[in-house]
Structures are given as structure tokens and as C-alpha cells.
Amino acid sequence: HHDNDDEQQQQEQEEEEQAPSPEDAEDIQIAWENLEAARTILEKMEMPKDPAMETKLQLDLAQVMLREGDLQRLNGQYVSSIQDYSSCLALRQRYLKDKWHRSIADTQFNLGLSYLSSSSDLQKETAAAGGTPNAAALAKEHCEKGIAKHVECAKTFCGMLAKLCGADPDTLLESVDNWEESPAKPAVAGLKTTGLDDSASSMAAAVASQTLNRLRQAVTSLVASHPPADTNAANTVYDIQQVLDEIQETVDEAERSLDAVRQAAQIKVQAQQQAGGFRGAGGDAEEDGITTSIGFGTSSTFAAAAAAASAPSLAAAQPMMVVKKK
């Protein structure tokens, strides 16, 4: 118990240190208000007839949306950040001529990160008392979408790297894409005891991880056979390879987190089934099928489920308390 108290005190101290000062919160609030004003102005402006001016206007709007997404994510408002990043990404993919542009990759990365952070929060809500089945389903959905966006981001970075090496990006990605469509993809067993399509989720996460691994292998081979022409390009290629490694680690952690949610849900279902046999001894069943533990104390099985789901591998960003001015 002493060790647990020390860990809790340390966690509370870290949270206090990470919390923004009143001055920082004020600066963040001012930044958000300025960005919101700029967004409103840009959205209401009449669309220029000149295509070049239209492109510039829309990309300026995308930049504002990106920064709003950054502030929302730092503030722990992941649903809002997902909306802002999604809008930014749609504009950049439409108006940037180069689909392998760094700005597209950055937006995909931040969008994926917001989905995973949202999933982490929802997992904690699921593990807590009173967690709803909807929260569990949404946590799984956001984890899957976060993984998918990270894979998209990795492919965009691979396209950038191919161009720096004087190769065709589509050719580099073709073999990986063909592998994804192959029937010989890894089969991942999963029990459908939670009411969610767990086997499909595990399959998607495993395929994403192996796709990233194949992308990194393809990049390594390309760099060896087509080294960058100059020092600046070589440095950029090295940086991209480091980012790909980080994306691989992030997706692998998300895969383990998704498995933890699935296992916790399965344990909870099994505990509910076991508790159902004791209803005649005083247990009550909720209308939604969740069995309460009234009269039975704390079930070790439920405790194990809560512990598994309350310790996701992906830590959510510390919310920054910002109070809007009236």
C-alpha cells in the first residue's frame, strides 16, 4: 500500500507540474480566439476566380484549422481536434498539387494521434465504474482509426523519401499495397464474446503493424540502391526513417492497447456470466445485461478487467484548463 501511495503522490505531482500556469492558460485562450476570428473571416470570404488565389486562400484556412486542432488536442478536447485536423487534411489533399507533401503527412500524424489519445481516455472511462458499452465501442473505433491514419502518414512519408532518392513513389508502395490485398495476410484469432467485432479489430491492427514493417524494409532497400544525391536530401531521408520507426512503435503500442481492451471486455463478460449463477443469492441484473456485484464484495475478476483497461499503453495528453471568456 505504501508503494501505491508513493506512486499516486508522484503522479499527482507530475500532473501539477504539467498543468499550465494562469498566464499560459490566458495566452492559449487569446491564441484560440485569434485563430477562430481568422477562420471565420477566411470562411466568409468570397472565393476568388483566380485558381492560384483560391488555392492560397484555402491553404491559409487549412493552416488555421491545423493550429486550432493543436490547441484543442493540448487542451484534451480530442473530438474537436479530430474535427479540425480532418477539415485541414481534406483541404490540403484537395489543393496541394503534391500528394506526398510534408504538410499532408503532418496532418495525418496529428489526426492519428488525436484518435489514439481519445481512445485512451475512452478506455479509462470504460474501466471506471459506470462505464458504458458505447464508450468501449467508441474507444475501439478511435483506436482503429488512429492506427489507420498513422499508416497513411507513413505511406506519405515513404512517397517523400522515394522522390528524394530519385525513385517513383507509386512503384515503392505498389508491392506493399499488393501484399495488403493478398489473401495470405496473417490470421489473428479473436473471441466475439464482447458484442464487438474483436477478431476484425485484431486483424486490422496486426496487418497495420506488418504493413509498416514492410514499408520500412522497402525504404531501407531503396536508400541502399538509390542513395540521395546531396547532403541535405540525405539528412531529410534519415529524419524520415526515424519518423517511420516512431510510427511503427506507436502503432505497435496501440495494437497492444486494443488487445488489452478486448481482453478486459472478455473477462468482464465471463465475470457477468459467473455472477449470473448467483442471482438467486441476492445479485441483481441491470436492464442492459450488466450484472451488479451487490452483496458479493469486489470481484477479483472485475478488478482484473479494470486494471487491464485502465492502464492503456498510450498516455493521453494532459488537459490544459482553459476557461472561455464570456
Protein backbone atom coordinates (compact mmCIF):
# COMPACT_ATOMS: atom_id res chain seq x y z
CA HIS A 1 0.00 0.00 0.00
CA HIS A 2 2.90 2.33 0.77
CA ASP A 3 4.28 1.89 -2.73
CA ASN A 4 0.87 2.62 -4.25
CA ASP A 5 0.59 5.80 -2.17
CA ASP A 6 4.03 6.93 -3.34
CA GLU A 7 3.11 6.26 -6.97
CA GLN A 8 -0.14 8.18 -6.60
CA GLN A 9 1.63 11.13 -5.00
CA GLN A 10 4.24 11.10 -7.76
CA GLN A 11 1.51 11.02 -10.44
CA GLU A 12 -0.34 13.92 -8.80
CA GLN A 13 2.90 15.89 -8.59
CA GLU A 14 3.62 15.30 -12.28
CA GLU A 15 0.09 16.39 -13.21
CA GLU A 16 0.52 19.59 -11.20
CA GLU A 17 3.84 20.30 -12.90
CA GLN A 18 2.30 19.75 -16.34
CA ALA A 19 -0.73 21.91 -15.64
CA PRO A 20 -0.44 25.33 -17.30
CA SER A 21 0.01 28.44 -15.24
CA PRO A 22 -2.77 31.07 -15.33
CA GLU A 23 -0.58 33.14 -17.66
CA ASP A 24 -0.17 30.21 -20.08
CA ALA A 25 -3.89 29.49 -19.99
CA GLU A 26 -4.57 33.13 -20.81
CA ASP A 27 -2.15 33.02 -23.75
CA ILE A 28 -3.78 29.85 -25.06
CA GLN A 29 -7.22 31.42 -24.78
CA ILE A 30 -6.08 34.51 -26.70
CA ALA A 31 -4.48 32.33 -29.38
CA TRP A 32 -7.68 30.31 -29.77
CA GLU A 33 -9.82 33.46 -30.07
CA ASN A 34 -7.49 34.91 -32.73
CA LEU A 35 -7.50 31.67 -34.70
CA GLU A 36 -11.28 31.41 -34.50
CA ALA A 37 -11.61 35.00 -35.76
CA ALA A 38 -9.22 34.27 -38.65
CA ARG A 39 -11.12 31.10 -39.53
CA THR A 40 -14.45 32.94 -39.58
CA ILE A 41 -13.05 35.65 -41.86
CA LEU A 42 -11.50 33.15 -44.28
CA GLU A 43 -14.62 31.00 -44.43
CA LYS A 44 -16.82 34.02 -45.22
CA MET A 45 -14.56 35.45 -47.90
CA GLU A 46 -15.84 35.24 -51.45
CA MET A 47 -13.97 32.59 -53.43
CA PRO A 48 -11.50 34.23 -55.87
CA LYS A 49 -11.91 33.46 -59.57
CA ASP A 50 -8.16 33.12 -59.93
CA PRO A 51 -7.29 29.43 -59.22
CA ALA A 52 -3.94 30.41 -57.69
CA MET A 53 -5.60 32.83 -55.27
CA GLU A 54 -8.26 30.24 -54.43
CA THR A 55 -5.55 27.70 -53.61
CA LYS A 56 -3.71 30.18 -51.39
CA LEU A 57 -6.91 31.12 -49.54
CA GLN A 58 -7.89 27.51 -48.91
CA LEU A 59 -4.40 26.52 -47.76
CA ASP A 60 -4.36 29.51 -45.38
CA LEU A 61 -7.66 28.26 -43.99
CA ALA A 62 -6.20 24.75 -43.64
CA GLN A 63 -3.27 26.19 -41.65
CA VAL A 64 -5.66 27.93 -39.26
CA MET A 65 -7.61 24.69 -38.81
CA LEU A 66 -4.37 22.85 -38.07
CA ARG A 67 -3.43 25.31 -35.32
CA GLU A 68 -6.90 25.14 -33.82
CA GLY A 69 -6.58 21.36 -33.80
CA ASP A 70 -3.23 21.70 -31.99
CA LEU A 71 -4.79 23.85 -29.26
CA GLN A 72 -7.78 21.54 -28.88
CA ARG A 73 -5.51 18.50 -28.58
CA LEU A 74 -3.31 20.18 -25.98
CA ASN A 75 -6.47 21.06 -24.09
CA GLY A 76 -7.61 17.42 -24.09
CA GLN A 77 -10.55 18.19 -26.39
CA TYR A 78 -9.85 15.30 -28.75
CA VAL A 79 -13.22 15.18 -30.52
CA SER A 80 -12.82 18.84 -31.51
CA SER A 81 -9.20 18.33 -32.55
CA ILE A 82 -10.25 15.38 -34.72
CA GLN A 83 -12.78 17.61 -36.49
CA ASP A 84 -10.24 20.39 -37.05
CA TYR A 85 -7.50 18.08 -38.29
CA SER A 86 -9.94 16.25 -40.58
CA SER A 87 -11.06 19.53 -42.15
CA CYS A 88 -7.43 20.63 -42.56
CA LEU A 89 -6.46 17.33 -44.17
CA ALA A 90 -9.35 17.46 -46.64
CA LEU A 91 -8.30 20.92 -47.84
CA ARG A 92 -4.62 20.05 -48.10
CA GLN A 93 -5.30 16.87 -50.03
CA ARG A 94 -7.52 18.82 -52.42
CA TYR A 95 -5.36 21.89 -53.02
CA LEU A 96 -1.76 20.70 -52.65
CA LYS A 97 -0.52 19.52 -56.02
CA ASP A 98 1.93 17.07 -54.48
CA LYS A 99 0.15 14.24 -52.64
CA TRP A 100 3.47 13.36 -50.98
CA HIS A 101 3.69 16.80 -49.33
CA ARG A 102 5.10 17.08 -45.81
CA SER A 103 2.09 19.16 -44.72
CA ILE A 104 -0.23 16.27 -45.56
CA ALA A 105 1.91 13.82 -43.59
CA ASP A 106 2.00 16.15 -40.57
CA THR A 107 -1.79 16.47 -40.57
CA GLN A 108 -2.27 12.71 -40.89
CA PHE A 109 0.08 12.17 -37.95
CA ASN A 110 -1.71 14.68 -35.71
CA LEU A 111 -5.11 13.28 -36.66
CA GLY A 112 -3.95 9.77 -35.82
CA LEU A 113 -2.53 10.98 -32.51
CA SER A 114 -5.84 12.64 -31.59
CA TYR A 115 -7.75 9.44 -32.33
CA LEU A 116 -5.38 7.39 -30.16
CA SER A 117 -5.49 9.92 -27.32
CA SER A 118 -9.29 9.90 -27.48
CA SER A 119 -9.24 6.10 -27.39
CA SER A 120 -7.02 6.18 -24.31
CA ASP A 121 -9.47 8.47 -22.49
CA LEU A 122 -12.42 6.31 -23.51
CA GLN A 123 -10.61 3.19 -22.27
CA LYS A 124 -10.24 4.80 -18.87
CA GLU A 125 -13.93 5.69 -18.92
CA THR A 126 -14.77 2.09 -19.81
CA ALA A 127 -12.66 0.77 -16.94
CA ALA A 128 -14.19 3.17 -14.44
CA ALA A 129 -17.38 2.43 -12.57
CA GLY A 130 -20.39 3.26 -14.71
CA GLY A 131 -18.51 2.91 -17.99
CA THR A 132 -20.93 2.39 -20.87
CA PRO A 133 -20.78 -0.13 -23.73
CA ASN A 134 -20.87 2.83 -26.12
CA ALA A 135 -17.62 4.13 -24.64
CA ALA A 136 -15.97 0.74 -25.21
CA ALA A 137 -17.15 0.62 -28.81
CA LEU A 138 -16.00 4.18 -29.48
CA ALA A 139 -12.62 3.50 -27.85
CA LYS A 140 -12.11 0.59 -30.21
CA GLU A 141 -13.26 2.62 -33.22
CA HIS A 142 -10.96 5.54 -32.42
CA CYS A 143 -8.02 3.20 -31.83
CA GLU A 144 -8.59 1.60 -35.22
CA LYS A 145 -8.89 4.98 -36.96
CA GLY A 146 -5.75 6.23 -35.19
CA ILE A 147 -3.81 3.21 -36.42
CA ALA A 148 -5.13 3.70 -39.97
CA LYS A 149 -4.13 7.37 -40.05
CA HIS A 150 -0.63 6.52 -38.86
CA VAL A 151 -0.30 4.01 -41.71
CA GLU A 152 -1.49 6.66 -44.18
CA CYS A 153 1.05 9.08 -42.70
CA ALA A 154 3.84 6.51 -43.09
CA LYS A 155 2.94 5.98 -46.75
CA THR A 156 3.04 9.73 -47.37
CA PHE A 157 6.49 9.94 -45.78
CA CYS A 158 7.62 6.98 -47.89
CA GLY A 159 6.48 8.84 -51.01
CA MET A 160 8.50 11.87 -49.94
CA LEU A 161 11.54 9.69 -49.35
CA ALA A 162 11.22 7.98 -52.74
CA LYS A 163 11.23 11.34 -54.51
CA LEU A 164 14.35 12.41 -52.59
CA CYS A 165 16.04 9.21 -53.77
CA GLY A 166 15.01 9.80 -57.38
CA ALA A 167 12.53 6.90 -57.39
CA ASP A 168 8.83 6.67 -58.20
CA PRO A 169 6.72 6.71 -55.00
CA ASP A 170 3.94 4.62 -56.54
CA THR A 171 6.41 1.91 -57.51
CA LEU A 172 7.80 1.84 -53.98
CA LEU A 173 4.36 1.42 -52.44
CA GLU A 174 2.99 -0.99 -55.03
CA SER A 175 4.46 -4.14 -53.53
CA VAL A 176 3.21 -3.22 -50.06
CA ASP A 177 -0.26 -2.44 -51.37
CA ASN A 178 -0.34 -5.74 -53.24
CA TRP A 179 0.61 -7.54 -50.04
CA GLU A 180 -2.23 -5.83 -48.17
CA GLU A 181 -4.70 -7.13 -50.75
CA SER A 182 -3.23 -10.64 -50.70
CA PRO A 183 -5.29 -13.47 -49.18
CA ALA A 184 -2.11 -14.65 -47.44
CA LYS A 185 -2.32 -11.93 -44.78
CA PRO A 186 -1.88 -13.07 -41.16
CA ALA A 187 -4.93 -14.52 -39.49
CA VAL A 188 -5.47 -13.34 -35.95
CA ALA A 189 -7.76 -15.28 -33.68
CA GLY A 190 -10.24 -13.35 -31.59
CA LEU A 191 -13.25 -14.24 -29.47
CA LYS A 192 -16.50 -12.45 -30.24
CA THR A 193 -17.78 -12.51 -26.69
CA THR A 194 -17.98 -8.75 -26.14
CA GLY A 195 -20.58 -7.83 -28.72
CA LEU A 196 -17.82 -6.15 -30.78
CA ASP A 197 -16.07 -7.49 -33.86
CA ASP A 198 -12.88 -8.16 -31.91
CA SER A 199 -11.31 -10.54 -34.42
CA ALA A 200 -11.62 -7.96 -37.20
CA SER A 201 -10.06 -5.29 -34.96
CA SER A 202 -7.12 -7.51 -34.06
CA MET A 203 -6.68 -8.43 -37.70
CA ALA A 204 -6.65 -4.79 -38.79
CA ALA A 205 -4.13 -3.85 -36.09
CA ALA A 206 -1.83 -6.78 -36.92
CA VAL A 207 -1.97 -6.03 -40.65
CA ALA A 208 -1.20 -2.35 -39.98
CA SER A 209 1.85 -3.28 -37.91
CA GLN A 210 3.16 -5.67 -40.57
CA THR A 211 2.43 -3.14 -43.33
CA LEU A 212 4.58 -0.58 -41.53
CA ASN A 213 7.34 -3.14 -41.11
CA ARG A 214 7.25 -3.89 -44.84
CA LEU A 215 7.29 -0.17 -45.64
CA ARG A 216 10.39 0.31 -43.52
CA GLN A 217 12.09 -2.65 -45.19
CA ALA A 218 11.23 -1.27 -48.64
CA VAL A 219 12.62 2.13 -47.67
CA THR A 220 15.86 0.62 -46.37
CA SER A 221 16.36 -1.27 -49.64
CA LEU A 222 15.58 1.83 -51.70
CA VAL A 223 18.04 4.03 -49.82
CA ALA A 224 20.76 1.38 -50.26
CA SER A 225 20.17 1.09 -54.01
CA HIS A 226 19.32 4.75 -54.72
CA PRO A 227 21.17 6.93 -52.19
CA PRO A 228 20.16 10.60 -52.02
CA ALA A 229 22.06 12.92 -54.34
CA ASP A 230 23.17 15.54 -51.79
CA THR A 231 23.75 16.03 -48.08
CA ASN A 232 20.51 17.93 -47.42
CA ALA A 233 18.45 15.20 -49.07
CA ALA A 234 20.38 12.53 -47.17
CA ASN A 235 19.65 14.27 -43.86
CA THR A 236 15.96 14.53 -44.71
CA VAL A 237 15.85 10.85 -45.68
CA TYR A 238 17.45 9.92 -42.36
CA ASP A 239 14.89 12.03 -40.48
CA ILE A 240 12.03 10.36 -42.35
CA GLN A 241 13.39 6.91 -41.48
CA GLN A 242 13.46 7.93 -37.81
CA VAL A 243 9.84 9.10 -38.05
CA LEU A 244 8.83 5.78 -39.64
CA ASP A 245 10.45 3.95 -36.72
CA GLU A 246 8.46 6.09 -34.28
CA ILE A 247 5.22 5.44 -36.16
CA GLN A 248 5.91 1.70 -36.00
CA GLU A 249 6.36 1.91 -32.23
CA THR A 250 3.19 3.97 -31.85
CA VAL A 251 1.09 1.52 -33.86
CA ASP A 252 2.52 -1.48 -32.02
CA GLU A 253 1.64 0.17 -28.70
CA ALA A 254 -1.85 0.92 -30.00
CA GLU A 255 -2.22 -2.72 -31.05
CA ARG A 256 -1.33 -3.88 -27.54
CA SER A 257 -3.73 -1.32 -26.10
CA LEU A 258 -6.52 -2.60 -28.36
CA ASP A 259 -5.80 -6.16 -27.25
CA ALA A 260 -5.94 -5.05 -23.60
CA VAL A 261 -9.39 -3.54 -24.14
CA ARG A 262 -10.58 -6.73 -25.85
CA GLN A 263 -9.20 -8.97 -23.10
CA ALA A 264 -10.67 -6.78 -20.36
CA ALA A 265 -14.07 -6.85 -22.07
CA GLN A 266 -13.90 -10.65 -22.37
CA ILE A 267 -13.00 -11.00 -18.69
CA LYS A 268 -15.91 -8.73 -17.80
CA VAL A 269 -18.33 -10.81 -19.88
CA GLN A 270 -17.09 -14.01 -18.22
CA ALA A 271 -17.47 -12.43 -14.79
CA GLN A 272 -21.02 -11.39 -15.66
CA GLN A 273 -21.82 -14.94 -16.71
CA GLN A 274 -20.36 -16.35 -13.49
CA ALA A 275 -22.22 -13.81 -11.38
CA GLY A 276 -25.44 -14.75 -13.17
CA GLY A 277 -25.38 -18.07 -11.37
CA PHE A 278 -25.60 -16.28 -8.02
CA ARG A 279 -28.54 -14.02 -8.77
CA GLY A 280 -30.76 -16.14 -6.57
CA ALA A 281 -28.44 -15.33 -3.65
CA GLY A 282 -29.03 -11.61 -3.87
CA GLY A 283 -27.38 -10.41 -7.07
CA ASP A 284 -29.31 -8.08 -9.33
CA ALA A 285 -29.12 -7.79 -13.10
CA GLU A 286 -29.25 -4.43 -14.83
CA GLU A 287 -31.60 -3.99 -17.80
CA ASP A 288 -28.67 -3.79 -20.20
CA GLY A 289 -27.40 -7.20 -19.11
CA ILE A 290 -24.57 -5.99 -16.86
CA THR A 291 -24.63 -7.87 -13.59
CA THR A 292 -24.05 -5.85 -10.44
CA SER A 293 -21.92 -7.15 -7.58
CA ILE A 294 -24.25 -6.04 -4.80
CA GLY A 295 -23.80 -8.33 -1.82
CA PHE A 296 -20.71 -10.03 -3.25
CA GLY A 297 -17.97 -7.51 -2.46
CA THR A 298 -15.38 -6.64 -5.08
CA SER A 299 -14.94 -9.39 -7.63
CA SER A 300 -11.30 -10.17 -8.37
CA THR A 301 -12.31 -10.84 -11.97
CA PHE A 302 -13.79 -7.39 -12.33
CA ALA A 303 -10.74 -5.92 -10.65
CA ALA A 304 -8.51 -7.63 -13.20
CA ALA A 305 -10.62 -6.27 -16.03
CA ALA A 306 -10.47 -2.74 -14.63
CA ALA A 307 -6.71 -2.97 -14.14
CA ALA A 308 -6.18 -4.16 -17.70
CA ALA A 309 -8.31 -1.45 -19.28
CA SER A 310 -7.23 1.37 -17.00
CA ALA A 311 -3.57 1.09 -17.99
CA PRO A 312 -3.52 1.77 -21.75
CA SER A 313 -0.14 1.96 -23.40
CA LEU A 314 -0.93 5.31 -24.98
CA ALA A 315 -0.99 8.13 -22.47
CA ALA A 316 -3.42 10.90 -23.27
CA ALA A 317 -2.15 14.47 -23.34
CA GLN A 318 -2.66 16.37 -20.13
CA PRO A 319 -5.74 18.57 -20.48
CA MET A 320 -4.97 22.27 -20.24
CA MET A 321 -7.70 24.06 -18.37
CA VAL A 322 -8.83 26.99 -20.45
CA VAL A 323 -11.89 28.97 -19.47
CA LYS A 324 -13.54 30.85 -22.30
CA LYS A 325 -14.24 34.48 -21.65
CA LYS A 326 -17.84 35.49 -21.53
